[in-house]
PDB file of all heavy atoms in Angstrom:
ATOM      1  N   THR A   1       9.748  -4.170  -3.942  1.00  0.00           N
ATOM      2  CA  THR A   1       9.212  -5.536  -3.940  1.00  0.00           C
ATOM      3  C   THR A   1       7.842  -5.572  -4.594  1.00  0.00           C
ATOM      4  O   THR A   1       7.554  -6.495  -5.391  1.00  0.00           O
ATOM      5  CB  THR A   1       9.125  -6.064  -2.492  1.00  0.00           C
ATOM      6  OG1 THR A   1      10.393  -6.016  -1.901  1.00  0.00           O
ATOM      7  CG2 THR A   1       8.623  -7.497  -2.490  1.00  0.00           C
ATOM      8  N   LEU A   2       6.993  -4.596  -4.279  1.00  0.00           N
ATOM      9  CA  LEU A   2       5.671  -4.570  -4.848  1.00  0.00           C
ATOM     10  C   LEU A   2       5.749  -4.384  -6.370  1.00  0.00           C
ATOM     11  O   LEU A   2       4.994  -4.999  -7.113  1.00  0.00           O
ATOM     12  CB  LEU A   2       4.860  -3.429  -4.238  1.00  0.00           C
ATOM     13  CG  LEU A   2       3.370  -3.357  -4.615  1.00  0.00           C
ATOM     14  CD1 LEU A   2       2.680  -4.651  -4.287  1.00  0.00           C
ATOM     15  CD2 LEU A   2       2.740  -2.190  -3.911  1.00  0.00           C
ATOM     16  N   MET A   3       6.688  -3.561  -6.862  1.00  0.00           N
ATOM     17  CA  MET A   3       6.866  -3.417  -8.294  1.00  0.00           C
ATOM     18  C   MET A   3       7.225  -4.719  -8.955  1.00  0.00           C
ATOM     19  O   MET A   3       6.718  -5.067  -9.990  1.00  0.00           O
ATOM     20  CB  MET A   3       7.964  -2.381  -8.561  1.00  0.00           C
ATOM     21  CG  MET A   3       7.570  -0.942  -8.334  1.00  0.00           C
ATOM     22  SD  MET A   3       8.929   0.139  -8.758  1.00  0.00           S
ATOM     23  CE  MET A   3       8.196   1.747  -8.531  1.00  0.00           C
ATOM     24  N   ILE A   4       8.158  -5.444  -8.309  1.00  0.00           N
ATOM     25  CA  ILE A   4       8.600  -6.733  -8.868  1.00  0.00           C
ATOM     26  C   ILE A   4       7.460  -7.700  -8.948  1.00  0.00           C
ATOM     27  O   ILE A   4       7.239  -8.386  -9.972  1.00  0.00           O
ATOM     28  CB  ILE A   4       9.754  -7.320  -8.030  1.00  0.00           C
ATOM     29  CG1 ILE A   4      11.010  -6.447  -8.169  1.00  0.00           C
ATOM     30  CG2 ILE A   4      10.071  -8.753  -8.442  1.00  0.00           C
ATOM     31  CD1 ILE A   4      12.123  -6.813  -7.219  1.00  0.00           C
ATOM     32  N   LEU A   5       6.656  -7.776  -7.867  1.00  0.00           N
ATOM     33  CA  LEU A   5       5.522  -8.677  -7.881  1.00  0.00           C
ATOM     34  C   LEU A   5       4.531  -8.306  -8.971  1.00  0.00           C
ATOM     35  O   LEU A   5       3.941  -9.126  -9.625  1.00  0.00           O
ATOM     36  CB  LEU A   5       4.828  -8.656  -6.502  1.00  0.00           C
ATOM     37  CG  LEU A   5       5.609  -9.297  -5.360  1.00  0.00           C
ATOM     38  CD1 LEU A   5       4.962  -8.943  -4.035  1.00  0.00           C
ATOM     39  CD2 LEU A   5       5.696 -10.790  -5.540  1.00  0.00           C
ATOM     40  N   THR A   6       4.310  -7.012  -9.166  1.00  0.00           N
ATOM     41  CA  THR A   6       3.396  -6.541 -10.205  1.00  0.00           C
ATOM     42  C   THR A   6       3.931  -6.882 -11.579  1.00  0.00           C
ATOM     43  O   THR A   6       3.194  -7.334 -12.459  1.00  0.00           O
ATOM     44  CB  THR A   6       3.185  -5.029 -10.081  1.00  0.00           C
ATOM     45  OG1 THR A   6       2.781  -4.752  -8.752  1.00  0.00           O
ATOM     46  CG2 THR A   6       2.099  -4.563 -11.032  1.00  0.00           C
ATOM     47  N   LEU A   7       5.245  -6.688 -11.810  1.00  0.00           N
ATOM     48  CA  LEU A   7       5.804  -7.022 -13.091  1.00  0.00           C
ATOM     49  C   LEU A   7       5.706  -8.492 -13.399  1.00  0.00           C
ATOM     50  O   LEU A   7       5.472  -8.894 -14.546  1.00  0.00           O
ATOM     51  CB  LEU A   7       7.300  -6.586 -13.122  1.00  0.00           C
ATOM     52  CG  LEU A   7       7.529  -5.059 -13.172  1.00  0.00           C
ATOM     53  CD1 LEU A   7       9.003  -4.775 -12.907  1.00  0.00           C
ATOM     54  CD2 LEU A   7       7.111  -4.501 -14.514  1.00  0.00           C
ATOM     55  N   GLN A   8       5.819  -9.329 -12.353  1.00  0.00           N
ATOM     56  CA  GLN A   8       5.639 -10.751 -12.542  1.00  0.00           C
ATOM     57  C   GLN A   8       4.257 -11.107 -12.987  1.00  0.00           C
ATOM     58  O   GLN A   8       4.038 -12.121 -13.654  1.00  0.00           O
ATOM     59  CB  GLN A   8       5.961 -11.473 -11.212  1.00  0.00           C
ATOM     60  CG  GLN A   8       7.424 -11.476 -10.850  1.00  0.00           C
ATOM     61  CD  GLN A   8       7.710 -12.077  -9.489  1.00  0.00           C
ATOM     62  OE1 GLN A   8       6.799 -12.249  -8.693  1.00  0.00           O
ATOM     63  NE2 GLN A   8       8.965 -12.342  -9.201  1.00  0.00           N
ATOM     64  N   ALA A   9       3.267 -10.253 -12.648  1.00  0.00           N
ATOM     65  CA  ALA A   9       1.891 -10.457 -13.081  1.00  0.00           C
ATOM     66  C   ALA A   9       1.689  -9.975 -14.504  1.00  0.00           C
ATOM     67  O   ALA A   9       0.598 -10.122 -15.077  1.00  0.00           O
ATOM     68  CB  ALA A   9       0.927  -9.755 -12.154  1.00  0.00           C
ATOM     69  N   GLY A  10       2.705  -9.369 -15.125  1.00  0.00           N
ATOM     70  CA  GLY A  10       2.604  -8.965 -16.514  1.00  0.00           C
ATOM     71  C   GLY A  10       1.896  -7.675 -16.730  1.00  0.00           C
ATOM     72  O   GLY A  10       1.179  -7.513 -17.724  1.00  0.00           O
ATOM     73  N   VAL A  11       2.058  -6.684 -15.858  1.00  0.00           N
ATOM     74  CA  VAL A  11       1.301  -5.434 -15.949  1.00  0.00           C
ATOM     75  C   VAL A  11       2.231  -4.228 -15.861  1.00  0.00           C
ATOM     76  O   VAL A  11       1.920  -3.227 -15.286  1.00  0.00           O
ATOM     77  CB  VAL A  11       0.215  -5.350 -14.852  1.00  0.00           C
ATOM     78  CG1 VAL A  11      -0.871  -6.378 -15.088  1.00  0.00           C
ATOM     79  CG2 VAL A  11       0.831  -5.522 -13.466  1.00  0.00           C
ATOM     80  N   ALA A  12       3.404  -4.329 -16.509  1.00  0.00           N
ATOM     81  CA  ALA A  12       4.365  -3.225 -16.470  1.00  0.00           C
ATOM     82  C   ALA A  12       3.744  -1.948 -17.020  1.00  0.00           C
ATOM     83  O   ALA A  12       3.017  -1.965 -17.980  1.00  0.00           O
ATOM     84  CB  ALA A  12       5.610  -3.612 -17.278  1.00  0.00           C
ATOM     85  N   GLY A  13       4.128  -0.808 -16.414  1.00  0.00           N
ATOM     86  CA  GLY A  13       3.702   0.470 -16.894  1.00  0.00           C
ATOM     87  C   GLY A  13       2.351   0.958 -16.344  1.00  0.00           C
ATOM     88  O   GLY A  13       1.851   1.963 -16.800  1.00  0.00           O
ATOM     89  N   GLN A  14       1.792   0.281 -15.370  1.00  0.00           N
ATOM     90  CA  GLN A  14       0.464   0.672 -14.848  1.00  0.00           C
ATOM     91  C   GLN A  14       0.573   1.234 -13.430  1.00  0.00           C
ATOM     92  O   GLN A  14       1.480   0.927 -12.702  1.00  0.00           O
ATOM     93  CB  GLN A  14      -0.463  -0.536 -14.864  1.00  0.00           C
ATOM     94  CG  GLN A  14      -0.809  -0.936 -16.306  1.00  0.00           C
ATOM     95  CD  GLN A  14      -1.717  -2.144 -16.374  1.00  0.00           C
ATOM     96  OE1 GLN A  14      -1.579  -3.047 -15.550  1.00  0.00           O
ATOM     97  NE2 GLN A  14      -2.623  -2.136 -17.316  1.00  0.00           N
ATOM     98  N   MET A  15      -0.398   2.092 -13.097  1.00  0.00           N
ATOM     99  CA  MET A  15      -0.422   2.769 -11.806  1.00  0.00           C
ATOM    100  C   MET A  15      -0.959   1.867 -10.724  1.00  0.00           C
ATOM    101  O   MET A  15      -2.003   1.234 -10.885  1.00  0.00           O
ATOM    102  CB  MET A  15      -1.253   4.031 -11.875  1.00  0.00           C
ATOM    103  CG  MET A  15      -0.721   5.073 -12.885  1.00  0.00           C
ATOM    104  SD  MET A  15       0.900   5.707 -12.468  1.00  0.00           S
ATOM    105  CE  MET A  15       0.580   6.558 -10.958  1.00  0.00           C
ATOM    106  N   ILE A  16      -0.245   1.773  -9.615  1.00  0.00           N
ATOM    107  CA  ILE A  16      -0.684   0.977  -8.474  1.00  0.00           C
ATOM    108  C   ILE A  16      -0.438   1.736  -7.190  1.00  0.00           C
ATOM    109  O   ILE A  16       0.237   2.759  -7.188  1.00  0.00           O
ATOM    110  CB  ILE A  16       0.081  -0.385  -8.434  1.00  0.00           C
ATOM    111  CG1 ILE A  16       1.569  -0.122  -8.304  1.00  0.00           C
ATOM    112  CG2 ILE A  16      -0.230  -1.218  -9.632  1.00  0.00           C
ATOM    113  CD1 ILE A  16       2.413  -1.369  -8.128  1.00  0.00           C
ATOM    114  N   PHE A  17      -0.990   1.238  -6.098  1.00  0.00           N
ATOM    115  CA  PHE A  17      -0.744   1.854  -4.801  1.00  0.00           C
ATOM    116  C   PHE A  17       0.554   1.334  -4.205  1.00  0.00           C
ATOM    117  O   PHE A  17       0.870   0.149  -4.288  1.00  0.00           O
ATOM    118  CB  PHE A  17      -1.886   1.532  -3.814  1.00  0.00           C
ATOM    119  CG  PHE A  17      -3.055   2.432  -3.957  1.00  0.00           C
ATOM    120  CD1 PHE A  17      -4.206   1.970  -4.546  1.00  0.00           C
ATOM    121  CD2 PHE A  17      -3.003   3.739  -3.501  1.00  0.00           C
ATOM    122  CE1 PHE A  17      -5.322   2.798  -4.684  1.00  0.00           C
ATOM    123  CE2 PHE A  17      -4.103   4.554  -3.635  1.00  0.00           C
ATOM    124  CZ  PHE A  17      -5.272   4.096  -4.232  1.00  0.00           C
ATOM    125  N   SER A  18       1.288   2.241  -3.582  1.00  0.00           N
ATOM    126  CA  SER A  18       2.435   1.828  -2.762  1.00  0.00           C
ATOM    127  C   SER A  18       1.919   1.252  -1.464  1.00  0.00           C
ATOM    128  O   SER A  18       0.740   1.346  -1.139  1.00  0.00           O
ATOM    129  CB  SER A  18       3.349   3.042  -2.508  1.00  0.00           C
ATOM    130  OG  SER A  18       2.659   4.007  -1.705  1.00  0.00           O
ATOM    131  N   ASP A  19       2.826   0.654  -0.691  1.00  0.00           N
ATOM    132  CA  ASP A  19       2.469   0.184   0.631  1.00  0.00           C
ATOM    133  C   ASP A  19       1.885   1.324   1.470  1.00  0.00           C
ATOM    134  O   ASP A  19       2.320   2.488   1.341  1.00  0.00           O
ATOM    135  CB  ASP A  19       3.693  -0.360   1.368  1.00  0.00           C
ATOM    136  CG  ASP A  19       4.097  -1.731   0.867  1.00  0.00           C
ATOM    137  OD1 ASP A  19       3.409  -2.249  -0.018  1.00  0.00           O
ATOM    138  OD2 ASP A  19       5.075  -2.300   1.396  1.00  0.00           O
ATOM    139  N   LEU A  20       0.897   1.007   2.288  1.00  0.00           N
ATOM    140  CA  LEU A  20       0.318   2.018   3.151  1.00  0.00           C
ATOM    141  C   LEU A  20       1.210   2.207   4.399  1.00  0.00           C
ATOM    142  O   LEU A  20       1.735   1.239   4.954  1.00  0.00           O
ATOM    143  CB  LEU A  20      -1.063   1.586   3.631  1.00  0.00           C
ATOM    144  CG  LEU A  20      -2.234   1.898   2.681  1.00  0.00           C
ATOM    145  CD1 LEU A  20      -2.113   1.144   1.371  1.00  0.00           C
ATOM    146  CD2 LEU A  20      -3.559   1.566   3.344  1.00  0.00           C
ATOM    147  N   LYS A  21       1.378   3.468   4.791  1.00  0.00           N
ATOM    148  CA  LYS A  21       2.151   3.798   5.979  1.00  0.00           C
ATOM    149  C   LYS A  21       1.247   4.527   6.950  1.00  0.00           C
ATOM    150  O   LYS A  21       0.553   5.479   6.580  1.00  0.00           O
ATOM    151  CB  LYS A  21       3.368   4.677   5.625  1.00  0.00           C
ATOM    152  CG  LYS A  21       4.338   3.989   4.644  1.00  0.00           C
ATOM    153  CD  LYS A  21       5.531   4.908   4.392  1.00  0.00           C
ATOM    154  CE  LYS A  21       6.466   4.286   3.374  1.00  0.00           C
ATOM    155  NZ  LYS A  21       7.009   2.997   3.815  1.00  0.00           N
ATOM    156  N   ARG A  22       1.248   4.094   8.194  1.00  0.00           N
ATOM    157  CA  ARG A  22       0.395   4.707   9.190  1.00  0.00           C
ATOM    158  C   ARG A  22       0.781   6.171   9.448  1.00  0.00           C
ATOM    159  O   ARG A  22       1.940   6.466   9.599  1.00  0.00           O
ATOM    160  CB  ARG A  22       0.458   3.944  10.502  1.00  0.00           C
ATOM    161  CG  ARG A  22      -0.256   2.586  10.410  1.00  0.00           C
ATOM    162  CD  ARG A  22       0.162   1.653  11.546  1.00  0.00           C
ATOM    163  NE  ARG A  22      -0.542   0.358  11.455  1.00  0.00           N
ATOM    164  CZ  ARG A  22      -0.139  -0.609  10.630  1.00  0.00           C
ATOM    165  NH1 ARG A  22       0.946  -0.453   9.846  1.00  0.00           N
ATOM    166  NH2 ARG A  22      -0.808  -1.742  10.568  1.00  0.00           N
ATOM    167  N   VAL A  23      -0.233   7.008   9.458  1.00  0.00           N
ATOM    168  CA  VAL A  23      -0.003   8.427   9.790  1.00  0.00           C
ATOM    169  C   VAL A  23       0.238   8.568  11.297  1.00  0.00           C
ATOM    170  O   VAL A  23       1.013   9.394  11.741  1.00  0.00           O
ATOM    171  CB  VAL A  23      -1.209   9.282   9.369  1.00  0.00           C
ATOM    172  CG1 VAL A  23      -1.042  10.741   9.801  1.00  0.00           C
ATOM    173  CG2 VAL A  23      -1.371   9.219   7.866  1.00  0.00           C
ATOM    174  N   SER A  24      -0.416   7.692  12.057  1.00  0.00           N
ATOM    175  CA  SER A  24      -0.268   7.718  13.516  1.00  0.00           C
ATOM    176  C   SER A  24      -0.235   6.275  14.020  1.00  0.00           C
ATOM    177  O   SER A  24      -0.941   5.414  13.476  1.00  0.00           O
ATOM    178  CB  SER A  24      -1.429   8.453  14.183  1.00  0.00           C
ATOM    179  OG  SER A  24      -1.386   8.309  15.594  1.00  0.00           O
ATOM    180  N   ASP A  25       0.601   6.037  15.033  1.00  0.00           N
ATOM    181  CA  ASP A  25       0.622   4.719  15.669  1.00  0.00           C
ATOM    182  C   ASP A  25      -0.495   4.543  16.673  1.00  0.00           C
ATOM    183  O   ASP A  25      -0.663   3.468  17.241  1.00  0.00           O
ATOM    184  CB  ASP A  25       1.967   4.483  16.331  1.00  0.00           C
ATOM    185  CG  ASP A  25       3.081   4.271  15.328  1.00  0.00           C
ATOM    186  OD1 ASP A  25       2.813   3.807  14.196  1.00  0.00           O
ATOM    187  OD2 ASP A  25       4.256   4.611  15.667  1.00  0.00           O
ATOM    188  N   GLN A  26      -1.280   5.607  16.867  1.00  0.00           N
ATOM    189  CA  GLN A  26      -2.416   5.549  17.796  1.00  0.00           C
ATOM    190  C   GLN A  26      -3.720   5.667  16.992  1.00  0.00           C
ATOM    191  O   GLN A  26      -3.747   6.318  15.944  1.00  0.00           O
ATOM    192  CB  GLN A  26      -2.341   6.661  18.836  1.00  0.00           C
ATOM    193  CG  GLN A  26      -1.077   6.618  19.691  1.00  0.00           C
ATOM    194  CD  GLN A  26      -0.980   5.329  20.491  1.00  0.00           C
ATOM    195  OE1 GLN A  26      -1.990   4.835  21.017  1.00  0.00           O
ATOM    196  NE2 GLN A  26       0.219   4.763  20.572  1.00  0.00           N
ATOM    197  N   PRO A  27      -4.813   5.106  17.462  1.00  0.00           N
ATOM    198  CA  PRO A  27      -6.082   5.258  16.715  1.00  0.00           C
ATOM    199  C   PRO A  27      -6.598   6.674  16.716  1.00  0.00           C
ATOM    200  O   PRO A  27      -6.365   7.444  17.675  1.00  0.00           O
ATOM    201  CB  PRO A  27      -7.026   4.333  17.483  1.00  0.00           C
ATOM    202  CG  PRO A  27      -6.420   4.163  18.838  1.00  0.00           C
ATOM    203  CD  PRO A  27      -4.939   4.277  18.655  1.00  0.00           C
ATOM    204  N   LEU A  28      -7.301   7.044  15.639  1.00  0.00           N
ATOM    205  CA  LEU A  28      -7.951   8.367  15.564  1.00  0.00           C
ATOM    206  C   LEU A  28      -9.153   8.422  16.468  1.00  0.00           C
ATOM    207  O   LEU A  28      -9.472   9.454  17.050  1.00  0.00           O
ATOM    208  CB  LEU A  28      -8.404   8.680  14.131  1.00  0.00           C
ATOM    209  CG  LEU A  28      -7.372   8.705  13.028  1.00  0.00           C
ATOM    210  CD1 LEU A  28      -8.004   9.182  11.729  1.00  0.00           C
ATOM    211  CD2 LEU A  28      -6.188   9.564  13.397  1.00  0.00           C
ATOM    212  N   MET A  29      -9.861   7.303  16.581  1.00  0.00           N
ATOM    213  CA  MET A  29     -11.058   7.226  17.398  1.00  0.00           C
ATOM    214  C   MET A  29     -11.111   5.869  18.083  1.00  0.00           C
ATOM    215  O   MET A  29     -10.706   4.850  17.516  1.00  0.00           O
ATOM    216  CB  MET A  29     -12.317   7.415  16.567  1.00  0.00           C
ATOM    217  CG  MET A  29     -12.508   8.755  15.965  1.00  0.00           C
ATOM    218  SD  MET A  29     -14.166   8.843  15.155  1.00  0.00           S
ATOM    219  CE  MET A  29     -13.981  10.380  14.274  1.00  0.00           C
ATOM    220  N   VAL A  30     -11.701   5.854  19.272  1.00  0.00           N
ATOM    221  CA  VAL A  30     -11.969   4.665  20.018  1.00  0.00           C
ATOM    222  C   VAL A  30     -13.392   4.775  20.581  1.00  0.00           C
ATOM    223  O   VAL A  30     -13.973   5.850  20.548  1.00  0.00           O
ATOM    224  CB  VAL A  30     -10.930   4.475  21.162  1.00  0.00           C
ATOM    225  CG1 VAL A  30      -9.523   4.277  20.612  1.00  0.00           C
ATOM    226  CG2 VAL A  30     -10.959   5.636  22.115  1.00  0.00           C
ATOM    227  N   PRO A  31     -13.941   3.679  21.079  1.00  0.00           N
ATOM    228  CA  PRO A  31     -15.282   3.770  21.672  1.00  0.00           C
ATOM    229  C   PRO A  31     -15.277   4.790  22.832  1.00  0.00           C
ATOM    230  O   PRO A  31     -14.253   5.006  23.473  1.00  0.00           O
ATOM    231  CB  PRO A  31     -15.512   2.337  22.191  1.00  0.00           C
ATOM    232  CG  PRO A  31     -14.619   1.496  21.378  1.00  0.00           C
ATOM    233  CD  PRO A  31     -13.420   2.301  21.069  1.00  0.00           C
ATOM    234  N   ARG A  32     -16.455   5.380  23.075  1.00  0.00           N
ATOM    235  CA  ARG A  32     -16.549   6.349  24.176  1.00  0.00           C
ATOM    236  C   ARG A  32     -17.957   6.323  24.756  1.00  0.00           C
ATOM    237  O   ARG A  32     -18.926   5.977  24.113  1.00  0.00           O
ATOM    238  CB  ARG A  32     -16.191   7.750  23.690  1.00  0.00           C
ATOM    239  CG  ARG A  32     -17.179   8.327  22.703  1.00  0.00           C
ATOM    240  CD  ARG A  32     -16.886   9.771  22.391  1.00  0.00           C
ATOM    241  NE  ARG A  32     -17.908  10.356  21.534  1.00  0.00           N
ATOM    242  CZ  ARG A  32     -17.984  11.653  21.188  1.00  0.00           C
ATOM    243  NH1 ARG A  32     -17.072  12.495  21.659  1.00  0.00           N
ATOM    244  NH2 ARG A  32     -18.945  12.091  20.408  1.00  0.00           N
TER     245      ARG A  32
END
């Protein structure tokens, strides 16, 4: 989907970020 949206913007062939995926469903740090 992100590729399609980018192509609609007229920028075929360029490097972009894929969707971000969480490494963890829990926070790395919280207040303490």
